[in-house]
Amino acid sequence: MTVLLYLVPAALGLGFCGLLAFLWSLKAGQYEDLDGAAVRILSDDDLRKEDLPR
């Protein structure tokens, strides 16, 4: 039972750190453009004309 005296505060501390990291990522704008990455994978801008299928 005494191990709970260590594990409960450690779990709460890790959860709080995770919450702070999530809030920081929201403030930094990490979730602003969710569709951009999905569409960006489809573009052929990095291919040369010789590499394109005919």
PDB file of N, CA and C in Angstrom:
ATOM      1  N   MET A   1       0.810  -1.202   0.000  1.00  0.00           N
ATOM      2  CA  MET A   1       0.000   0.000   0.000  1.00  0.00           C
ATOM      3  C   MET A   1       0.847   1.257   0.000  1.00  0.00           C
ATOM      4  N   THR A   2       2.044   1.167   0.542  1.00  0.00           N
ATOM      5  CA  THR A   2       2.869   2.375   0.593  1.00  0.00           C
ATOM      6  C   THR A   2       3.391   2.752  -0.788  1.00  0.00           C
ATOM      7  N   VAL A   3       3.371   1.798  -1.714  1.00  0.00           N
ATOM      8  CA  VAL A   3       3.819   2.117  -3.064  1.00  0.00           C
ATOM      9  C   VAL A   3       2.855   3.098  -3.735  1.00  0.00           C
ATOM     10  N   LEU A   4       1.599   3.100  -3.293  1.00  0.00           N
ATOM     11  CA  LEU A   4       0.627   4.046  -3.838  1.00  0.00           C
ATOM     12  C   LEU A   4       0.979   5.476  -3.477  1.00  0.00           C
ATOM     13  N   LEU A   5       1.672   5.658  -2.376  1.00  0.00           N
ATOM     14  CA  LEU A   5       2.106   7.000  -1.988  1.00  0.00           C
ATOM     15  C   LEU A   5       3.106   7.574  -2.990  1.00  0.00           C
ATOM     16  N   TYR A   6       3.765   6.714  -3.738  1.00  0.00           N
ATOM     17  CA  TYR A   6       4.708   7.156  -4.769  1.00  0.00           C
ATOM     18  C   TYR A   6       4.066   7.180  -6.154  1.00  0.00           C
ATOM     19  N   LEU A   7       3.238   6.174  -6.420  1.00  0.00           N
ATOM     20  CA  LEU A   7       2.688   6.029  -7.765  1.00  0.00           C
ATOM     21  C   LEU A   7       1.583   7.034  -8.080  1.00  0.00           C
ATOM     22  N   VAL A   8       0.739   7.349  -7.133  1.00  0.00           N
ATOM     23  CA  VAL A   8      -0.358   8.285  -7.390  1.00  0.00           C
ATOM     24  C   VAL A   8       0.169   9.687  -7.694  1.00  0.00           C
ATOM     25  N   PRO A   9       1.074  10.252  -6.891  1.00  0.00           N
ATOM     26  CA  PRO A   9       1.621  11.569  -7.264  1.00  0.00           C
ATOM     27  C   PRO A   9       2.419  11.539  -8.564  1.00  0.00           C
ATOM     28  N   ALA A  10       3.118  10.441  -8.821  1.00  0.00           N
ATOM     29  CA  ALA A  10       3.872  10.334 -10.072  1.00  0.00           C
ATOM     30  C   ALA A  10       2.917  10.317 -11.270  1.00  0.00           C
ATOM     31  N   ALA A  11       1.817   9.585 -11.159  1.00  0.00           N
ATOM     32  CA  ALA A  11       0.833   9.533 -12.247  1.00  0.00           C
ATOM     33  C   ALA A  11       0.172  10.886 -12.439  1.00  0.00           C
ATOM     34  N   LEU A  12      -0.161  11.558 -11.351  1.00  0.00           N
ATOM     35  CA  LEU A  12      -0.756  12.893 -11.460  1.00  0.00           C
ATOM     36  C   LEU A  12       0.229  13.890 -12.057  1.00  0.00           C
ATOM     37  N   GLY A  13       1.484  13.787 -11.683  1.00  0.00           N
ATOM     38  CA  GLY A  13       2.507  14.676 -12.234  1.00  0.00           C
ATOM     39  C   GLY A  13       2.713  14.458 -13.730  1.00  0.00           C
ATOM     40  N   LEU A  14       2.754  13.199 -14.151  1.00  0.00           N
ATOM     41  CA  LEU A  14       2.908  12.896 -15.577  1.00  0.00           C
ATOM     42  C   LEU A  14       1.682  13.333 -16.371  1.00  0.00           C
ATOM     43  N   GLY A  15       0.507  13.150 -15.791  1.00  0.00           N
ATOM     44  CA  GLY A  15      -0.710  13.608 -16.459  1.00  0.00           C
ATOM     45  C   GLY A  15      -0.730  15.117 -16.608  1.00  0.00           C
ATOM     46  N   PHE A  16      -0.283  15.826 -15.578  1.00  0.00           N
ATOM     47  CA  PHE A  16      -0.221  17.282 -15.636  1.00  0.00           C
ATOM     48  C   PHE A  16       0.797  17.745 -16.678  1.00  0.00           C
ATOM     49  N   CYS A  17       1.939  17.064 -16.762  1.00  0.00           N
ATOM     50  CA  CYS A  17       2.936  17.401 -17.791  1.00  0.00           C
ATOM     51  C   CYS A  17       2.371  17.168 -19.188  1.00  0.00           C
ATOM     52  N   GLY A  18       1.620  16.093 -19.376  1.00  0.00           N
ATOM     53  CA  GLY A  18       0.991  15.826 -20.663  1.00  0.00           C
ATOM     54  C   GLY A  18      -0.036  16.881 -21.018  1.00  0.00           C
ATOM     55  N   LEU A  19      -0.806  17.311 -20.025  1.00  0.00           N
ATOM     56  CA  LEU A  19      -1.787  18.372 -20.253  1.00  0.00           C
ATOM     57  C   LEU A  19      -1.102  19.673 -20.632  1.00  0.00           C
ATOM     58  N   LEU A  20      -0.016  20.008 -19.956  1.00  0.00           N
ATOM     59  CA  LEU A  20       0.732  21.225 -20.298  1.00  0.00           C
ATOM     60  C   LEU A  20       1.307  21.151 -21.713  1.00  0.00           C
ATOM     61  N   ALA A  21       1.816  19.993 -22.098  1.00  0.00           N
ATOM     62  CA  ALA A  21       2.357  19.833 -23.448  1.00  0.00           C
ATOM     63  C   ALA A  21       1.257  19.981 -24.497  1.00  0.00           C
ATOM     64  N   PHE A  22       0.081  19.438 -24.221  1.00  0.00           N
ATOM     65  CA  PHE A  22      -1.036  19.567 -25.153  1.00  0.00           C
ATOM     66  C   PHE A  22      -1.480  21.018 -25.274  1.00  0.00           C
ATOM     67  N   LEU A  23      -1.598  21.710 -24.143  1.00  0.00           N
ATOM     68  CA  LEU A  23      -1.998  23.119 -24.182  1.00  0.00           C
ATOM     69  C   LEU A  23      -0.960  23.974 -24.890  1.00  0.00           C
ATOM     70  N   TRP A  24       0.318  23.654 -24.712  1.00  0.00           N
ATOM     71  CA  TRP A  24       1.376  24.377 -25.410  1.00  0.00           C
ATOM     72  C   TRP A  24       1.269  24.161 -26.924  1.00  0.00           C
ATOM     73  N   SER A  25       0.977  22.928 -27.337  1.00  0.00           N
ATOM     74  CA  SER A  25       0.861  22.653 -28.773  1.00  0.00           C
ATOM     75  C   SER A  25      -0.348  23.357 -29.369  1.00  0.00           C
ATOM     76  N   LEU A  26      -1.427  23.484 -28.604  1.00  0.00           N
ATOM     77  CA  LEU A  26      -2.583  24.248 -29.085  1.00  0.00           C
ATOM     78  C   LEU A  26      -2.222  25.710 -29.280  1.00  0.00           C
ATOM     79  N   LYS A  27      -1.512  26.281 -28.310  1.00  0.00           N
ATOM     80  CA  LYS A  27      -1.130  27.684 -28.385  1.00  0.00           C
ATOM     81  C   LYS A  27      -0.129  27.928 -29.515  1.00  0.00           C
ATOM     82  N   ALA A  28       0.716  26.948 -29.796  1.00  0.00           N
ATOM     83  CA  ALA A  28       1.727  27.089 -30.841  1.00  0.00           C
ATOM     84  C   ALA A  28       1.145  26.893 -32.240  1.00  0.00           C
ATOM     85  N   GLY A  29      -0.115  26.486 -32.354  1.00  0.00           N
ATOM     86  CA  GLY A  29      -0.754  26.343 -33.654  1.00  0.00           C
ATOM     87  C   GLY A  29      -0.478  25.029 -34.350  1.00  0.00           C
ATOM     88  N   GLN A  30      -0.197  23.986 -33.603  1.00  0.00           N
ATOM     89  CA  GLN A  30       0.102  22.696 -34.208  1.00  0.00           C
ATOM     90  C   GLN A  30      -1.109  22.051 -34.872  1.00  0.00           C
ATOM     91  N   TYR A  31      -2.311  22.447 -34.484  1.00  0.00           N
ATOM     92  CA  TYR A  31      -3.527  21.824 -35.002  1.00  0.00           C
ATOM     93  C   TYR A  31      -4.305  22.755 -35.915  1.00  0.00           C
ATOM     94  N   GLU A  32      -3.670  23.750 -36.467  1.00  0.00           N
ATOM     95  CA  GLU A  32      -4.363  24.740 -37.293  1.00  0.00           C
ATOM     96  C   GLU A  32      -4.729  24.202 -38.675  1.00  0.00           C
ATOM     97  N   ASP A  33      -3.817  23.487 -39.328  1.00  0.00           N
ATOM     98  CA  ASP A  33      -4.013  23.071 -40.710  1.00  0.00           C
ATOM     99  C   ASP A  33      -4.020  21.548 -40.799  1.00  0.00           C
ATOM    100  N   LEU A  34      -5.106  20.927 -40.417  1.00  0.00           N
ATOM    101  CA  LEU A  34      -5.168  19.474 -40.439  1.00  0.00           C
ATOM    102  C   LEU A  34      -5.348  18.920 -41.841  1.00  0.00           C
ATOM    103  N   ASP A  35      -6.004  19.669 -42.727  1.00  0.00           N
ATOM    104  CA  ASP A  35      -6.226  19.186 -44.087  1.00  0.00           C
ATOM    105  C   ASP A  35      -5.024  19.429 -44.993  1.00  0.00           C
ATOM    106  N   GLY A  36      -4.163  20.328 -44.630  1.00  0.00           N
ATOM    107  CA  GLY A  36      -3.014  20.661 -45.469  1.00  0.00           C
ATOM    108  C   GLY A  36      -2.077  19.489 -45.678  1.00  0.00           C
ATOM    109  N   ALA A  37      -1.762  18.766 -44.632  1.00  0.00           N
ATOM    110  CA  ALA A  37      -0.861  17.621 -44.748  1.00  0.00           C
ATOM    111  C   ALA A  37      -1.489  16.511 -45.580  1.00  0.00           C
ATOM    112  N   ALA A  38      -2.792  16.335 -45.458  1.00  0.00           N
ATOM    113  CA  ALA A  38      -3.460  15.284 -46.222  1.00  0.00           C
ATOM    114  C   ALA A  38      -3.465  15.600 -47.710  1.00  0.00           C
ATOM    115  N   VAL A  39      -3.579  16.862 -48.061  1.00  0.00           N
ATOM    116  CA  VAL A  39      -3.598  17.260 -49.467  1.00  0.00           C
ATOM    117  C   VAL A  39      -2.175  17.391 -50.009  1.00  0.00           C
ATOM    118  N   ARG A  40      -1.247  17.792 -49.165  1.00  0.00           N
ATOM    119  CA  ARG A  40       0.139  18.009 -49.589  1.00  0.00           C
ATOM    120  C   ARG A  40       0.784  16.719 -50.076  1.00  0.00           C
ATOM    121  N   ILE A  41       0.382  15.575 -49.541  1.00  0.00           N
ATOM    122  CA  ILE A  41       0.962  14.300 -49.953  1.00  0.00           C
ATOM    123  C   ILE A  41       0.581  13.958 -51.395  1.00  0.00           C
ATOM    124  N   LEU A  42      -0.500  14.533 -51.893  1.00  0.00           N
ATOM    125  CA  LEU A  42      -0.976  14.214 -53.233  1.00  0.00           C
ATOM    126  C   LEU A  42      -0.335  15.066 -54.326  1.00  0.00           C
ATOM    127  N   SER A  43       0.361  16.122 -53.959  1.00  0.00           N
ATOM    128  CA  SER A  43       0.921  17.015 -54.981  1.00  0.00           C
ATOM    129  C   SER A  43       2.155  16.388 -55.620  1.00  0.00           C
ATOM    130  N   ASP A  44       2.373  16.708 -56.885  1.00  0.00           N
ATOM    131  CA  ASP A  44       3.511  16.199 -57.631  1.00  0.00           C
ATOM    132  C   ASP A  44       4.534  17.287 -57.883  1.00  0.00           C
ATOM    133  N   ASP A  45       4.633  18.261 -57.017  1.00  0.00           N
ATOM    134  CA  ASP A  45       5.552  19.377 -57.219  1.00  0.00           C
ATOM    135  C   ASP A  45       7.013  18.964 -57.163  1.00  0.00           C
ATOM    136  N   ASP A  46       7.329  17.900 -56.455  1.00  0.00           N
ATOM    137  CA  ASP A  46       8.722  17.506 -56.311  1.00  0.00           C
ATOM    138  C   ASP A  46       9.206  16.602 -57.454  1.00  0.00           C
ATOM    139  N   LEU A  47       8.331  16.204 -58.354  1.00  0.00           N
ATOM    140  CA  LEU A  47       8.720  15.336 -59.465  1.00  0.00           C
ATOM    141  C   LEU A  47       9.171  16.164 -60.666  1.00  0.00           C
ATOM    142  N   ARG A  48      10.168  15.646 -61.356  1.00  0.00           N
ATOM    143  CA  ARG A  48      10.602  16.280 -62.595  1.00  0.00           C
ATOM    144  C   ARG A  48       9.707  15.817 -63.732  1.00  0.00           C
ATOM    145  N   LYS A  49       9.740  16.515 -64.824  1.00  0.00           N
ATOM    146  CA  LYS A  49       8.891  16.135 -65.964  1.00  0.00           C
ATOM    147  C   LYS A  49       9.259  14.768 -66.508  1.00  0.00           C
ATOM    148  N   GLU A  50      10.529  14.389 -66.414  1.00  0.00           N
ATOM    149  CA  GLU A  50      10.943  13.090 -66.931  1.00  0.00           C
ATOM    150  C   GLU A  50      10.408  11.942 -66.064  1.00  0.00           C
ATOM    151  N   ASP A  51      10.127  12.236 -64.791  1.00  0.00           N
ATOM    152  CA  ASP A  51       9.685  11.200 -63.876  1.00  0.00           C
ATOM    153  C   ASP A  51       8.162  10.968 -63.953  1.00  0.00           C
ATOM    154  N   LEU A  52       7.427  11.882 -64.531  1.00  0.00           N
ATOM    155  CA  LEU A  52       5.984  11.768 -64.569  1.00  0.00           C
ATOM    156  C   LEU A  52       5.555  10.680 -65.543  1.00  0.00           C
ATOM    157  N   PRO A  53       4.508   9.932 -65.236  1.00  0.00           N
ATOM    158  CA  PRO A  53       4.016   8.916 -66.186  1.00  0.00           C
ATOM    159  C   PRO A  53       3.384   9.594 -67.401  1.00  0.00           C
ATOM    160  N   ARG A  54       3.472   8.931 -68.533  1.00  0.00           N
ATOM    161  CA  ARG A  54       2.970   9.507 -69.775  1.00  0.00           C
ATOM    162  C   ARG A  54       1.649   8.961 -70.137  1.00  0.00           C
TER     163      ARG A  54
END
